[in-house]
């Protein structure tokens, strides 16, 4: 099956030229003249596109707003998103990348460069999907208990961190528990934040994403959970935050349990309630010191 590409561009001549070029290179193409039109198309498609290419300056709904809306939609927010635009100043490019777009090509563009970027994004996206499917099959074959990640007497080495994303300063440490420790939670939190941005991109950390990492510099494991809640005072209309666990060891299966817990905890933020880190720490400690039967994520 030919890869399906969605192109969003208000310049009819350019839209037609890109469409012909991609179709001549074995792609199926659907088009839209602005972000509002594109959202309607996405909501009615049986097959999701493998890549979205969007102009920025468009009537009714520009590319920035369109990307923000796509990022809120669970079914399509993992699709590689490319800005194709005449806005080529360093500030414009930096703004697009800060939003979390996967790539940024400026007009006039080289057709070979566009094809290379699209092919690369499709290959990477398909590889991730293949790995996920294989992992699901692998996990479903388990019929055994996984030992606790840590022993009960190691719970004093478990720490929980809460960080917010600040548009001016980046990741900002808000709170941590327990309070007494010789660890630099600001430094570790930034490490987890930046590692996740590198893997997912900024736009993919707004909808309950989680990642398990090995923190070699402190010889510990780290699990970072990202989400956001609506906040009209923020630049993009939402407040992004990270809840992270640091422990001597966190196995993959326990990280899935922690994500389930954090999905529930995130509702407290969404309802503008304060998160009780001490209570969450206790629940995480119970998870990490308990055997678990593997299930597919």
C-alpha atoms as a PDB file:
ATOM      1  CA  UNK A   1       0.000   0.000   0.000  1.00  0.00           C
ATOM      2  CA  UNK A   2       1.315   3.450  -0.927  1.00  0.00           C
ATOM      3  CA  UNK A   3       2.079   5.772   2.017  1.00  0.00           C
ATOM      4  CA  UNK A   4      -0.643   8.383   2.569  1.00  0.00           C
ATOM      5  CA  UNK A   5       0.501  12.008   2.952  1.00  0.00           C
ATOM      6  CA  UNK A   6      -1.620  14.980   4.067  1.00  0.00           C
ATOM      7  CA  UNK A   7      -0.556  18.355   2.615  1.00  0.00           C
ATOM      8  CA  UNK A   8      -1.977  21.560   4.093  1.00  0.00           C
ATOM      9  CA  UNK A   9      -1.214  24.650   1.956  1.00  0.00           C
ATOM     10  CA  UNK A  10      -3.274  27.705   0.953  1.00  0.00           C
ATOM     11  CA  UNK A  11      -1.239  28.393  -2.199  1.00  0.00           C
ATOM     12  CA  UNK A  12      -3.202  26.351  -4.749  1.00  0.00           C
ATOM     13  CA  UNK A  13      -0.399  26.245  -7.327  1.00  0.00           C
ATOM     14  CA  UNK A  14       2.188  25.062  -4.814  1.00  0.00           C
ATOM     15  CA  UNK A  15      -0.269  22.592  -3.310  1.00  0.00           C
ATOM     16  CA  UNK A  16      -0.890  21.078  -6.734  1.00  0.00           C
ATOM     17  CA  UNK A  17       2.846  20.956  -7.547  1.00  0.00           C
ATOM     18  CA  UNK A  18       3.708  19.137  -4.306  1.00  0.00           C
ATOM     19  CA  UNK A  19       0.809  16.736  -4.842  1.00  0.00           C
ATOM     20  CA  UNK A  20       1.965  15.851  -8.382  1.00  0.00           C
ATOM     21  CA  UNK A  21       5.561  15.413  -7.245  1.00  0.00           C
ATOM     22  CA  UNK A  22       4.645  13.060  -4.402  1.00  0.00           C
ATOM     23  CA  UNK A  23       2.188  11.061  -6.483  1.00  0.00           C
ATOM     24  CA  UNK A  24       4.853  10.584  -9.164  1.00  0.00           C
ATOM     25  CA  UNK A  25       7.086   9.144  -6.419  1.00  0.00           C
ATOM     26  CA  UNK A  26       4.592   6.492  -5.334  1.00  0.00           C
ATOM     27  CA  UNK A  27       2.734   8.336  -2.549  1.00  0.00           C
ATOM     28  CA  UNK A  28      -1.001   8.757  -2.083  1.00  0.00           C
ATOM     29  CA  UNK A  29      -1.843  12.384  -1.307  1.00  0.00           C
ATOM     30  CA  UNK A  30      -4.778  14.197   0.285  1.00  0.00           C
ATOM     31  CA  UNK A  31      -4.873  17.991   0.478  1.00  0.00           C
ATOM     32  CA  UNK A  32      -6.365  20.789   2.541  1.00  0.00           C
ATOM     33  CA  UNK A  33      -6.228  24.592   2.123  1.00  0.00           C
ATOM     34  CA  UNK A  34      -5.970  25.473   5.824  1.00  0.00           C
ATOM     35  CA  UNK A  35      -5.755  23.929   9.281  1.00  0.00           C
ATOM     36  CA  UNK A  36      -9.491  23.976   9.918  1.00  0.00           C
ATOM     37  CA  UNK A  37     -10.157  22.103   6.666  1.00  0.00           C
ATOM     38  CA  UNK A  38      -7.359  19.640   7.503  1.00  0.00           C
ATOM     39  CA  UNK A  39      -8.819  18.834  10.937  1.00  0.00           C
ATOM     40  CA  UNK A  40     -12.172  18.021   9.338  1.00  0.00           C
ATOM     41  CA  UNK A  41     -10.437  15.730   6.866  1.00  0.00           C
ATOM     42  CA  UNK A  42      -8.472  13.950   9.612  1.00  0.00           C
ATOM     43  CA  UNK A  43     -11.636  13.329  11.632  1.00  0.00           C
ATOM     44  CA  UNK A  44     -13.279  11.531   8.700  1.00  0.00           C
ATOM     45  CA  UNK A  45     -10.377   9.440   7.397  1.00  0.00           C
ATOM     46  CA  UNK A  46     -10.489   5.646   7.680  1.00  0.00           C
ATOM     47  CA  UNK A  47      -6.719   5.496   7.165  1.00  0.00           C
ATOM     48  CA  UNK A  48      -4.497   7.954   9.038  1.00  0.00           C
ATOM     49  CA  UNK A  49      -1.751   9.653   6.996  1.00  0.00           C
ATOM     50  CA  UNK A  50       1.832   8.605   7.653  1.00  0.00           C
ATOM     51  CA  UNK A  51       3.132  12.185   7.404  1.00  0.00           C
ATOM     52  CA  UNK A  52       1.517  15.629   7.685  1.00  0.00           C
ATOM     53  CA  UNK A  53       3.088  18.538   5.763  1.00  0.00           C
ATOM     54  CA  UNK A  54       1.716  21.965   6.636  1.00  0.00           C
ATOM     55  CA  UNK A  55       2.286  25.595   5.704  1.00  0.00           C
ATOM     56  CA  UNK A  56       2.265  28.084   8.597  1.00  0.00           C
ATOM     57  CA  UNK A  57       0.663  31.271   7.261  1.00  0.00           C
ATOM     58  CA  UNK A  58      -2.873  30.240   6.261  1.00  0.00           C
ATOM     59  CA  UNK A  59      -6.371  31.752   6.634  1.00  0.00           C
ATOM     60  CA  UNK A  60      -8.947  30.526   9.202  1.00  0.00           C
ATOM     61  CA  UNK A  61      -6.419  28.368  11.077  1.00  0.00           C
ATOM     62  CA  UNK A  62      -2.658  28.779  10.711  1.00  0.00           C
ATOM     63  CA  UNK A  63      -0.075  26.001  10.927  1.00  0.00           C
ATOM     64  CA  UNK A  64       0.864  26.668  14.560  1.00  0.00           C
ATOM     65  CA  UNK A  65      -2.735  26.346  15.723  1.00  0.00           C
ATOM     66  CA  UNK A  66      -3.267  23.336  13.454  1.00  0.00           C
ATOM     67  CA  UNK A  67      -0.253  21.537  14.934  1.00  0.00           C
ATOM     68  CA  UNK A  68      -1.456  22.325  18.476  1.00  0.00           C
ATOM     69  CA  UNK A  69      -4.879  20.849  17.697  1.00  0.00           C
ATOM     70  CA  UNK A  70      -3.355  17.731  16.085  1.00  0.00           C
ATOM     71  CA  UNK A  71      -1.215  17.238  19.211  1.00  0.00           C
ATOM     72  CA  UNK A  72      -4.404  16.939  21.282  1.00  0.00           C
ATOM     73  CA  UNK A  73      -5.837  14.103  19.156  1.00  0.00           C
ATOM     74  CA  UNK A  74      -4.815  10.668  20.438  1.00  0.00           C
ATOM     75  CA  UNK A  75      -5.325   8.913  17.100  1.00  0.00           C
ATOM     76  CA  UNK A  76      -3.037  11.209  15.097  1.00  0.00           C
ATOM     77  CA  UNK A  77      -0.679  12.993  17.510  1.00  0.00           C
ATOM     78  CA  UNK A  78       2.120  10.493  16.837  1.00  0.00           C
ATOM     79  CA  UNK A  79       2.139  11.184  13.071  1.00  0.00           C
ATOM     80  CA  UNK A  80       5.365  12.911  11.906  1.00  0.00           C
ATOM     81  CA  UNK A  81       4.602  16.599  11.298  1.00  0.00           C
ATOM     82  CA  UNK A  82       6.622  18.817   8.946  1.00  0.00           C
ATOM     83  CA  UNK A  83       6.327  22.594   8.604  1.00  0.00           C
ATOM     84  CA  UNK A  84       6.891  23.776   5.009  1.00  0.00           C
ATOM     85  CA  UNK A  85       6.992  27.566   5.026  1.00  0.00           C
ATOM     86  CA  UNK A  86       8.534  30.825   3.827  1.00  0.00           C
ATOM     87  CA  UNK A  87       9.030  31.894   7.463  1.00  0.00           C
ATOM     88  CA  UNK A  88      12.763  31.191   7.630  1.00  0.00           C
ATOM     89  CA  UNK A  89      14.115  33.482  10.362  1.00  0.00           C
ATOM     90  CA  UNK A  90      15.956  31.756  13.244  1.00  0.00           C
ATOM     91  CA  UNK A  91      13.153  32.860  15.581  1.00  0.00           C
ATOM     92  CA  UNK A  92      10.463  31.283  13.393  1.00  0.00           C
ATOM     93  CA  UNK A  93      12.388  28.027  13.090  1.00  0.00           C
ATOM     94  CA  UNK A  94      13.119  27.952  16.814  1.00  0.00           C
ATOM     95  CA  UNK A  95       9.432  28.568  17.586  1.00  0.00           C
ATOM     96  CA  UNK A  96       8.364  25.696  15.319  1.00  0.00           C
ATOM     97  CA  UNK A  97      10.871  23.332  16.907  1.00  0.00           C
ATOM     98  CA  UNK A  98       9.848  24.447  20.392  1.00  0.00           C
ATOM     99  CA  UNK A  99       6.267  23.498  19.545  1.00  0.00           C
ATOM    100  CA  UNK A 100       7.566  20.001  18.847  1.00  0.00           C
ATOM    101  CA  UNK A 101       7.280  19.620  15.066  1.00  0.00           C
ATOM    102  CA  UNK A 102       9.362  16.782  13.622  1.00  0.00           C
ATOM    103  CA  UNK A 103      10.992  18.854  10.875  1.00  0.00           C
ATOM    104  CA  UNK A 104      11.010  22.308   9.330  1.00  0.00           C
ATOM    105  CA  UNK A 105      11.641  22.983   5.605  1.00  0.00           C
ATOM    106  CA  UNK A 106      11.706  26.496   4.180  1.00  0.00           C
ATOM    107  CA  UNK A 107      10.487  27.701   0.798  1.00  0.00           C
ATOM    108  CA  UNK A 108      11.822  27.533  -1.844  1.00  0.00           C
ATOM    109  CA  UNK A 109      12.690  23.917  -1.151  1.00  0.00           C
ATOM    110  CA  UNK A 110      14.507  21.206  -3.058  1.00  0.00           C
ATOM    111  CA  UNK A 111      12.119  18.424  -4.101  1.00  0.00           C
ATOM    112  CA  UNK A 112      14.770  15.791  -3.329  1.00  0.00           C
ATOM    113  CA  UNK A 113      15.143  17.183   0.200  1.00  0.00           C
ATOM    114  CA  UNK A 114      11.376  16.985   0.733  1.00  0.00           C
ATOM    115  CA  UNK A 115      11.263  13.384  -0.501  1.00  0.00           C
ATOM    116  CA  UNK A 116      14.241  12.449   1.696  1.00  0.00           C
ATOM    117  CA  UNK A 117      12.642  13.985   4.804  1.00  0.00           C
ATOM    118  CA  UNK A 118       9.301  12.267   4.161  1.00  0.00           C
ATOM    119  CA  UNK A 119      10.907   8.887   3.513  1.00  0.00           C
ATOM    120  CA  UNK A 120      13.032   9.182   6.639  1.00  0.00           C
ATOM    121  CA  UNK A 121      10.054  10.071   8.840  1.00  0.00           C
ATOM    122  CA  UNK A 122       7.988   7.182   7.457  1.00  0.00           C
ATOM    123  CA  UNK A 123      10.809   4.691   7.986  1.00  0.00           C
ATOM    124  CA  UNK A 124      11.363   5.803  11.581  1.00  0.00           C
ATOM    125  CA  UNK A 125       7.630   5.807  12.366  1.00  0.00           C
ATOM    126  CA  UNK A 126       7.158   2.323  10.915  1.00  0.00           C
ATOM    127  CA  UNK A 127      10.155   0.979  12.854  1.00  0.00           C
ATOM    128  CA  UNK A 128       8.700   2.286  16.122  1.00  0.00           C
ATOM    129  CA  UNK A 129       5.305   0.776  15.304  1.00  0.00           C
ATOM    130  CA  UNK A 130       6.899  -2.592  14.436  1.00  0.00           C
ATOM    131  CA  UNK A 131       8.853  -2.668  17.696  1.00  0.00           C
ATOM    132  CA  UNK A 132       5.705  -1.825  19.682  1.00  0.00           C
ATOM    133  CA  UNK A 133       3.717  -4.612  17.996  1.00  0.00           C
ATOM    134  CA  UNK A 134       6.486  -7.144  18.630  1.00  0.00           C
ATOM    135  CA  UNK A 135       6.684  -6.059  22.262  1.00  0.00           C
ATOM    136  CA  UNK A 136       2.915  -6.561  22.645  1.00  0.00           C
ATOM    137  CA  UNK A 137       3.194 -10.096  21.251  1.00  0.00           C
ATOM    138  CA  UNK A 138       6.202 -10.806  23.455  1.00  0.00           C
ATOM    139  CA  UNK A 139       4.488  -9.605  26.615  1.00  0.00           C
ATOM    140  CA  UNK A 140       1.310 -11.540  25.894  1.00  0.00           C
ATOM    141  CA  UNK A 141       3.335 -14.776  25.893  1.00  0.00           C
ATOM    142  CA  UNK A 142       4.403 -14.356  29.522  1.00  0.00           C
ATOM    143  CA  UNK A 143       2.855 -16.480  32.246  1.00  0.00           C
ATOM    144  CA  UNK A 144       5.104 -15.733  35.173  1.00  0.00           C
ATOM    145  CA  UNK A 145       5.710 -13.298  37.998  1.00  0.00           C
ATOM    146  CA  UNK A 146       8.421 -10.664  37.790  1.00  0.00           C
ATOM    147  CA  UNK A 147      10.389 -10.131  40.978  1.00  0.00           C
ATOM    148  CA  UNK A 148      10.170  -6.772  42.809  1.00  0.00           C
ATOM    149  CA  UNK A 149      12.390  -4.019  41.392  1.00  0.00           C
ATOM    150  CA  UNK A 150      13.782  -3.281  44.847  1.00  0.00           C
ATOM    151  CA  UNK A 151      13.690  -4.776  48.344  1.00  0.00           C
ATOM    152  CA  UNK A 152      11.427  -3.310  51.063  1.00  0.00           C
ATOM    153  CA  UNK A 153      14.421  -1.976  52.990  1.00  0.00           C
ATOM    154  CA  UNK A 154      15.487   0.096  49.955  1.00  0.00           C
ATOM    155  CA  UNK A 155      12.420   2.349  49.836  1.00  0.00           C
ATOM    156  CA  UNK A 156      14.386   5.226  51.386  1.00  0.00           C
ATOM    157  CA  UNK A 157      16.290   5.331  48.059  1.00  0.00           C
ATOM    158  CA  UNK A 158      13.102   6.058  46.086  1.00  0.00           C
ATOM    159  CA  UNK A 159      12.465   9.701  45.184  1.00  0.00           C
ATOM    160  CA  UNK A 160       9.679  11.490  43.314  1.00  0.00           C
ATOM    161  CA  UNK A 161      10.173  14.751  41.407  1.00  0.00           C
ATOM    162  CA  UNK A 162       7.661  17.284  40.083  1.00  0.00           C
ATOM    163  CA  UNK A 163       8.786  19.719  37.366  1.00  0.00           C
ATOM    164  CA  UNK A 164       6.977  22.287  35.206  1.00  0.00           C
ATOM    165  CA  UNK A 165       7.975  23.505  31.759  1.00  0.00           C
ATOM    166  CA  UNK A 166       8.674  27.239  31.766  1.00  0.00           C
ATOM    167  CA  UNK A 167       8.620  28.949  28.333  1.00  0.00           C
ATOM    168  CA  UNK A 168      11.493  31.253  29.311  1.00  0.00           C
ATOM    169  CA  UNK A 169      13.702  29.000  31.415  1.00  0.00           C
ATOM    170  CA  UNK A 170      12.829  25.443  30.389  1.00  0.00           C
ATOM    171  CA  UNK A 171      12.348  22.673  33.004  1.00  0.00           C
ATOM    172  CA  UNK A 172      11.764  24.046  36.508  1.00  0.00           C
ATOM    173  CA  UNK A 173      11.853  21.970  39.697  1.00  0.00           C
ATOM    174  CA  UNK A 174       8.663  22.516  41.729  1.00  0.00           C
ATOM    175  CA  UNK A 175       8.851  19.889  44.461  1.00  0.00           C
ATOM    176  CA  UNK A 176      10.362  16.533  45.438  1.00  0.00           C
ATOM    177  CA  UNK A 177       9.890  13.881  48.095  1.00  0.00           C
ATOM    178  CA  UNK A 178      11.521  12.807  50.385  1.00  0.00           C
ATOM    179  CA  UNK A 179      13.184  16.138  51.089  1.00  0.00           C
ATOM    180  CA  UNK A 180      16.435  14.874  52.603  1.00  0.00           C
ATOM    181  CA  UNK A 181      18.943  13.623  50.056  1.00  0.00           C
ATOM    182  CA  UNK A 182      22.368  14.439  48.645  1.00  0.00           C
ATOM    183  CA  UNK A 183      21.049  14.048  45.095  1.00  0.00           C
ATOM    184  CA  UNK A 184      20.709  17.092  42.822  1.00  0.00           C
ATOM    185  CA  UNK A 185      17.053  16.804  41.843  1.00  0.00           C
ATOM    186  CA  UNK A 186      17.270  19.889  39.613  1.00  0.00           C
ATOM    187  CA  UNK A 187      20.094  18.308  37.618  1.00  0.00           C
ATOM    188  CA  UNK A 188      18.458  14.855  37.430  1.00  0.00           C
ATOM    189  CA  UNK A 189      15.111  16.365  36.473  1.00  0.00           C
ATOM    190  CA  UNK A 190      16.717  18.340  33.660  1.00  0.00           C
ATOM    191  CA  UNK A 191      18.497  15.188  32.513  1.00  0.00           C
ATOM    192  CA  UNK A 192      15.208  13.281  32.299  1.00  0.00           C
ATOM    193  CA  UNK A 193      13.426  16.195  30.639  1.00  0.00           C
ATOM    194  CA  UNK A 194      16.071  16.715  27.948  1.00  0.00           C
ATOM    195  CA  UNK A 195      16.412  12.991  27.221  1.00  0.00           C
ATOM    196  CA  UNK A 196      12.669  12.752  26.650  1.00  0.00           C
ATOM    197  CA  UNK A 197      12.587  15.854  24.431  1.00  0.00           C
ATOM    198  CA  UNK A 198      15.355  14.308  22.345  1.00  0.00           C
ATOM    199  CA  UNK A 199      13.384  11.083  21.871  1.00  0.00           C
ATOM    200  CA  UNK A 200       9.812  12.346  21.536  1.00  0.00           C
ATOM    201  CA  UNK A 201      10.101  15.998  20.601  1.00  0.00           C
ATOM    202  CA  UNK A 202       8.366  18.759  22.533  1.00  0.00           C
ATOM    203  CA  UNK A 203       4.962  18.264  20.955  1.00  0.00           C
ATOM    204  CA  UNK A 204       4.744  14.625  22.052  1.00  0.00           C
ATOM    205  CA  UNK A 205       5.057  15.262  25.799  1.00  0.00           C
ATOM    206  CA  UNK A 206       1.620  16.773  26.244  1.00  0.00           C
ATOM    207  CA  UNK A 207      -0.494  13.606  26.241  1.00  0.00           C
ATOM    208  CA  UNK A 208       0.572  11.168  28.964  1.00  0.00           C
ATOM    209  CA  UNK A 209       3.915   9.969  27.628  1.00  0.00           C
ATOM    210  CA  UNK A 210       6.305   7.959  29.784  1.00  0.00           C
ATOM    211  CA  UNK A 211       9.888   6.764  29.424  1.00  0.00           C
ATOM    212  CA  UNK A 212      12.190   4.517  31.454  1.00  0.00           C
ATOM    213  CA  UNK A 213      15.860   5.526  31.480  1.00  0.00           C
ATOM    214  CA  UNK A 214      19.104   4.345  33.030  1.00  0.00           C
ATOM    215  CA  UNK A 215      20.808   7.216  34.903  1.00  0.00           C
ATOM    216  CA  UNK A 216      24.435   6.198  34.692  1.00  0.00           C
ATOM    217  CA  UNK A 217      25.739   9.328  36.414  1.00  0.00           C
ATOM    218  CA  UNK A 218      23.926   8.449  39.662  1.00  0.00           C
ATOM    219  CA  UNK A 219      23.776   4.644  39.118  1.00  0.00           C
ATOM    220  CA  UNK A 220      19.971   4.612  39.384  1.00  0.00           C
ATOM    221  CA  UNK A 221      16.887   4.123  37.214  1.00  0.00           C
ATOM    222  CA  UNK A 222      14.562   6.952  36.274  1.00  0.00           C
ATOM    223  CA  UNK A 223      10.971   6.871  35.042  1.00  0.00           C
ATOM    224  CA  UNK A 224       9.642  10.174  33.648  1.00  0.00           C
ATOM    225  CA  UNK A 225       5.949  10.787  32.968  1.00  0.00           C
ATOM    226  CA  UNK A 226       4.843  13.819  30.964  1.00  0.00           C
ATOM    227  CA  UNK A 227       1.401  15.336  30.634  1.00  0.00           C
ATOM    228  CA  UNK A 228      -0.302  18.735  30.507  1.00  0.00           C
ATOM    229  CA  UNK A 229      -3.461  20.510  31.587  1.00  0.00           C
ATOM    230  CA  UNK A 230      -5.255  23.497  30.024  1.00  0.00           C
ATOM    231  CA  UNK A 231      -3.993  26.876  31.222  1.00  0.00           C
ATOM    232  CA  UNK A 232      -4.955  30.009  29.275  1.00  0.00           C
ATOM    233  CA  UNK A 233      -2.135  31.937  30.938  1.00  0.00           C
ATOM    234  CA  UNK A 234       0.469  29.740  29.245  1.00  0.00           C
ATOM    235  CA  UNK A 235       1.906  30.538  25.828  1.00  0.00           C
ATOM    236  CA  UNK A 236       0.413  27.467  24.162  1.00  0.00           C
ATOM    237  CA  UNK A 237      -2.733  27.288  26.282  1.00  0.00           C
ATOM    238  CA  UNK A 238      -1.490  24.366  28.366  1.00  0.00           C
ATOM    239  CA  UNK A 239       0.855  23.735  31.283  1.00  0.00           C
ATOM    240  CA  UNK A 240       3.312  20.912  30.673  1.00  0.00           C
ATOM    241  CA  UNK A 241       4.691  18.993  33.627  1.00  0.00           C
ATOM    242  CA  UNK A 242       6.802  15.977  34.508  1.00  0.00           C
ATOM    243  CA  UNK A 243       6.413  13.498  37.346  1.00  0.00           C
ATOM    244  CA  UNK A 244       9.527  11.380  37.726  1.00  0.00           C
ATOM    245  CA  UNK A 245      10.600   8.461  39.888  1.00  0.00           C
ATOM    246  CA  UNK A 246      14.235   7.778  40.772  1.00  0.00           C
ATOM    247  CA  UNK A 247      15.080   4.425  42.347  1.00  0.00           C
ATOM    248  CA  UNK A 248      17.963   1.905  42.532  1.00  0.00           C
ATOM    249  CA  UNK A 249      16.111  -0.189  39.938  1.00  0.00           C
ATOM    250  CA  UNK A 250      12.845   0.056  37.988  1.00  0.00           C
ATOM    251  CA  UNK A 251      12.038  -2.813  35.671  1.00  0.00           C
ATOM    252  CA  UNK A 252       9.953  -2.300  32.557  1.00  0.00           C
ATOM    253  CA  UNK A 253       6.870  -4.056  33.908  1.00  0.00           C
ATOM    254  CA  UNK A 254       6.813  -1.952  37.061  1.00  0.00           C
ATOM    255  CA  UNK A 255       7.142   1.180  34.912  1.00  0.00           C
ATOM    256  CA  UNK A 256       3.853   0.212  33.231  1.00  0.00           C
ATOM    257  CA  UNK A 257       2.204   0.017  36.666  1.00  0.00           C
ATOM    258  CA  UNK A 258       3.659   3.393  37.586  1.00  0.00           C
ATOM    259  CA  UNK A 259       2.272   4.897  34.380  1.00  0.00           C
ATOM    260  CA  UNK A 260      -1.204   3.562  35.275  1.00  0.00           C
ATOM    261  CA  UNK A 261      -0.881   5.253  38.675  1.00  0.00           C
ATOM    262  CA  UNK A 262       0.360   8.531  37.172  1.00  0.00           C
ATOM    263  CA  UNK A 263      -2.508   8.556  34.675  1.00  0.00           C
ATOM    264  CA  UNK A 264      -4.840   8.636  37.676  1.00  0.00           C
ATOM    265  CA  UNK A 265      -2.709  11.135  39.575  1.00  0.00           C
ATOM    266  CA  UNK A 266      -2.663  13.475  36.572  1.00  0.00           C
ATOM    267  CA  UNK A 267      -6.406  14.012  37.032  1.00  0.00           C
ATOM    268  CA  UNK A 268      -5.582  15.891  40.221  1.00  0.00           C
ATOM    269  CA  UNK A 269      -3.648  18.428  38.166  1.00  0.00           C
ATOM    270  CA  UNK A 270      -6.319  18.551  35.495  1.00  0.00           C
ATOM    271  CA  UNK A 271      -8.820  19.412  38.226  1.00  0.00           C
ATOM    272  CA  UNK A 272      -6.352  22.032  39.549  1.00  0.00           C
ATOM    273  CA  UNK A 273      -5.782  20.157  42.778  1.00  0.00           C
ATOM    274  CA  UNK A 274      -2.395  19.890  44.448  1.00  0.00           C
ATOM    275  CA  UNK A 275      -0.606  16.553  44.073  1.00  0.00           C
ATOM    276  CA  UNK A 276       0.244  14.872  47.371  1.00  0.00           C
ATOM    277  CA  UNK A 277       3.787  13.682  46.589  1.00  0.00           C
ATOM    278  CA  UNK A 278       4.092  11.797  49.878  1.00  0.00           C
ATOM    279  CA  UNK A 279       1.019   9.706  49.072  1.00  0.00           C
ATOM    280  CA  UNK A 280       2.194   9.083  45.499  1.00  0.00           C
ATOM    281  CA  UNK A 281       5.646   8.113  46.795  1.00  0.00           C
ATOM    282  CA  UNK A 282       4.044   5.522  49.092  1.00  0.00           C
ATOM    283  CA  UNK A 283       2.023   4.025  46.227  1.00  0.00           C
ATOM    284  CA  UNK A 284       5.079   3.882  43.973  1.00  0.00           C
ATOM    285  CA  UNK A 285       7.072   2.229  46.765  1.00  0.00           C
ATOM    286  CA  UNK A 286       4.360  -0.435  47.052  1.00  0.00           C
ATOM    287  CA  UNK A 287       4.565  -1.064  43.298  1.00  0.00           C
ATOM    288  CA  UNK A 288       8.360  -1.372  43.204  1.00  0.00           C
ATOM    289  CA  UNK A 289       8.524  -3.746  46.197  1.00  0.00           C
ATOM    290  CA  UNK A 290       5.802  -6.072  44.889  1.00  0.00           C
ATOM    291  CA  UNK A 291       5.959  -8.874  42.307  1.00  0.00           C
ATOM    292  CA  UNK A 292       4.066  -8.202  39.109  1.00  0.00           C
ATOM    293  CA  UNK A 293       2.511 -10.384  36.410  1.00  0.00           C
ATOM    294  CA  UNK A 294       3.489  -8.944  33.007  1.00  0.00           C
ATOM    295  CA  UNK A 295       0.694  -7.571  30.854  1.00  0.00           C
ATOM    296  CA  UNK A 296       0.734  -5.941  27.457  1.00  0.00           C
ATOM    297  CA  UNK A 297       0.958  -2.145  27.699  1.00  0.00           C
END
